[in-house]
Amino acid sequence: MEMKKKINLELRNRSPEEVTELVLDNCLCVNGEIEGLNDTFKELEFLSMANVELSSLARLPSLNKLRKLELSDNIISGGLEVLAEKCPNLTYLNLSGNKIKDLSTVEALMEMKMMKRKRKMKLVHRKDMRKRRRKRKRRMRMTMKMKMKQVQSWEREKRKWASHT
């Protein structure tokens, strides 16, 4: 699904001015750029664009209230300085799984205004992502166990009903 269509789906009959959270994970962006997201999303505080094949943040609109930005598993290799002017209140940024090869790319973030104001910006590292994956796997195992128990109890109930007839 293309990014524009996903945005329309996520709006759920709301106007862009009302939206505070927007999750666009696993959709496709054309030419590696952001599409359909514009300055009308004034109240947006959380934006997730994980695994959308994003390579550039050049078309990111001004999102003054944005605090959390999830950009994991894309093909971003640079151009992070755009975040300083477009997202001045950003406090959380996940860039894990991107094609960032040298530290100078991330150093551009350290010079951002938000860092100078002594706000702590949390950059999620691969270790954190591994922990999250482990927790997710653990939760999946638990749900699978619960489902297996439900299936087993369902089988028992079927046998009881079969024995009554």
Protein backbone atom coordinates (compact mmCIF):
# COMPACT_ATOMS: atom_id res chain seq x y z
CA MET A 1 0.00 0.00 0.00
CA GLU A 2 1.30 3.46 -0.86
CA MET A 3 1.98 6.05 1.82
CA LYS A 4 -0.77 8.44 0.65
CA LYS A 5 -3.40 5.70 0.88
CA LYS A 6 -2.13 4.60 4.29
CA ILE A 7 -2.38 8.19 5.57
CA ASN A 8 -5.99 8.42 4.35
CA LEU A 9 -6.78 5.12 6.08
CA GLU A 10 -5.14 6.21 9.34
CA LEU A 11 -7.06 9.49 9.41
CA ARG A 12 -10.31 7.53 10.02
CA ASN A 13 -12.60 10.40 9.01
CA ARG A 14 -10.67 12.94 11.09
CA SER A 15 -9.06 16.08 9.83
CA PRO A 16 -5.23 16.19 9.83
CA GLU A 17 -5.32 18.97 12.45
CA GLU A 18 -6.87 16.56 15.00
CA VAL A 19 -4.35 13.73 14.62
CA THR A 20 -1.74 13.35 17.37
CA GLU A 21 -0.41 9.88 16.45
CA LEU A 22 0.22 8.50 12.98
CA VAL A 23 1.54 5.01 12.24
CA LEU A 24 2.60 4.44 8.62
CA ASP A 25 4.66 1.28 9.15
CA ASN A 26 5.20 -1.17 6.28
CA CYS A 27 3.72 0.98 3.54
CA LEU A 28 5.66 1.95 0.42
CA CYS A 29 7.00 5.40 -0.32
CA VAL A 30 7.70 6.29 -3.93
CA ASN A 31 11.33 7.19 -4.76
CA GLY A 32 12.31 6.86 -1.10
CA GLU A 33 10.61 10.11 -0.09
CA ILE A 34 7.72 11.06 2.17
CA GLU A 35 4.39 11.54 0.37
CA GLY A 36 1.01 12.74 1.60
CA LEU A 37 2.31 14.13 4.87
CA ASN A 38 2.10 17.92 5.02
CA ASP A 39 2.02 20.95 7.32
CA THR A 40 -1.66 20.42 8.18
CA PHE A 41 -0.67 17.77 10.74
CA LYS A 42 -0.02 20.52 13.31
CA GLU A 43 -0.85 18.48 16.45
CA LEU A 44 1.19 15.41 15.52
CA GLU A 45 3.26 14.20 18.50
CA PHE A 46 4.14 10.64 17.43
CA LEU A 47 5.04 9.53 13.91
CA SER A 48 6.11 6.03 12.96
CA MET A 49 7.47 5.26 9.50
CA ALA A 50 9.23 1.95 10.12
CA ASN A 51 10.08 -0.25 7.14
CA VAL A 52 8.75 2.07 4.43
CA GLU A 53 11.92 2.11 2.25
CA LEU A 54 12.55 5.75 3.14
CA SER A 55 15.90 7.12 1.96
CA SER A 56 15.44 10.85 2.43
CA LEU A 57 13.88 13.19 4.97
CA ALA A 58 13.97 16.17 2.58
CA ARG A 59 10.17 16.24 2.15
CA LEU A 60 9.42 16.01 5.87
CA PRO A 61 6.98 18.82 6.72
CA SER A 62 7.37 21.13 9.70
CA LEU A 63 6.01 19.25 12.69
CA ASN A 64 6.58 21.56 15.65
CA LYS A 65 4.83 19.36 18.24
CA LEU A 66 6.45 16.09 17.16
CA ARG A 67 8.20 14.41 20.10
CA LYS A 68 8.69 10.81 18.96
CA LEU A 69 9.86 9.75 15.51
CA GLU A 70 10.23 6.08 14.58
CA LEU A 71 12.33 5.58 11.43
CA SER A 72 13.68 2.06 11.95
CA ASP A 73 14.40 -0.40 9.12
CA ASN A 74 14.64 2.11 6.27
CA ILE A 75 17.50 2.98 3.92
CA ILE A 76 18.38 6.40 5.35
CA SER A 77 22.09 7.17 5.12
CA GLY A 78 22.20 10.91 5.79
CA GLY A 79 20.32 14.20 5.73
CA LEU A 80 19.41 14.08 9.42
CA GLU A 81 20.11 17.79 9.92
CA VAL A 82 16.64 18.44 8.43
CA LEU A 83 15.19 17.24 11.73
CA ALA A 84 16.64 20.26 13.57
CA GLU A 85 14.53 22.78 11.71
CA LYS A 86 11.45 20.66 10.99
CA CYS A 87 11.01 18.96 14.38
CA PRO A 88 12.36 21.28 17.10
CA ASN A 89 10.67 19.41 20.02
CA LEU A 90 11.87 15.93 19.09
CA THR A 91 12.99 13.92 22.12
CA TYR A 92 12.96 10.32 20.82
CA LEU A 93 14.37 9.11 17.52
CA ASN A 94 14.78 5.50 16.40
CA LEU A 95 17.19 5.04 13.48
CA SER A 96 18.03 1.37 13.97
CA GLY A 97 18.27 -0.75 10.85
CA ASN A 98 19.18 2.13 8.52
CA LYS A 99 22.24 2.49 6.28
CA ILE A 100 24.09 4.98 8.45
CA LYS A 101 27.76 4.10 8.11
CA ASP A 102 29.72 6.85 9.79
CA LEU A 103 29.36 8.72 13.02
CA SER A 104 29.40 12.15 11.37
CA THR A 105 25.84 11.56 10.18
CA VAL A 106 24.61 11.12 13.74
CA GLU A 107 26.82 13.93 15.02
CA ALA A 108 24.63 16.34 13.04
CA LEU A 109 21.88 15.45 15.51
CA MET A 110 24.03 16.36 18.48
CA GLU A 111 24.33 19.91 17.20
CA MET A 112 20.58 20.33 17.02
CA LYS A 113 18.90 23.03 19.08
CA MET A 114 17.13 20.47 21.23
CA MET A 115 20.43 19.03 22.37
CA LYS A 116 21.74 22.50 23.20
CA ARG A 117 18.71 23.05 25.42
CA LYS A 118 19.99 20.06 27.42
CA ARG A 119 17.08 17.86 26.50
CA LYS A 120 17.94 14.24 26.48
CA MET A 121 17.36 12.69 23.12
CA LYS A 122 17.15 8.95 23.19
CA LEU A 123 18.67 7.25 20.18
CA VAL A 124 17.60 3.61 20.15
CA HIS A 125 20.50 1.29 19.49
CA ARG A 126 20.48 -2.23 18.15
CA LYS A 127 20.81 -3.68 21.66
CA ASP A 128 17.54 -2.02 22.65
CA MET A 129 15.92 -3.40 19.52
CA ARG A 130 17.16 -6.91 20.40
CA LYS A 131 15.60 -6.58 23.86
CA ARG A 132 12.31 -5.50 22.29
CA ARG A 133 12.40 -8.44 19.87
CA ARG A 134 13.03 -10.84 22.76
CA LYS A 135 10.09 -9.39 24.69
CA ARG A 136 7.91 -9.61 21.58
CA LYS A 137 8.93 -13.27 21.07
CA ARG A 138 8.19 -14.01 24.72
CA ARG A 139 4.75 -12.44 24.37
CA MET A 140 4.13 -14.42 21.18
CA ARG A 141 5.11 -17.65 22.95
CA MET A 142 2.70 -16.84 25.76
CA THR A 143 -0.14 -16.16 23.32
CA MET A 144 0.65 -19.37 21.45
CA LYS A 145 0.51 -21.31 24.74
CA MET A 146 -2.80 -19.65 25.56
CA LYS A 147 -4.18 -20.50 22.12
CA MET A 148 -3.00 -24.09 22.45
CA LYS A 149 -4.79 -24.36 25.81
CA GLN A 150 -7.94 -22.93 24.22
CA VAL A 151 -7.73 -25.45 21.38
CA GLN A 152 -7.18 -28.30 23.84
CA SER A 153 -10.13 -27.24 25.97
CA TRP A 154 -12.23 -26.89 22.82
CA GLU A 155 -11.27 -30.44 21.82
CA ARG A 156 -12.26 -31.68 25.30
CA GLU A 157 -15.63 -29.94 25.01
CA LYS A 158 -16.23 -31.48 21.58
CA ARG A 159 -15.47 -34.94 22.97
CA LYS A 160 -17.90 -34.37 25.87
CA TRP A 161 -20.64 -33.32 23.51
CA ALA A 162 -19.93 -36.29 21.22
CA SER A 163 -20.16 -38.70 24.15
CA HIS A 164 -23.58 -37.27 25.16
CA THR A 165 -25.12 -37.95 21.78
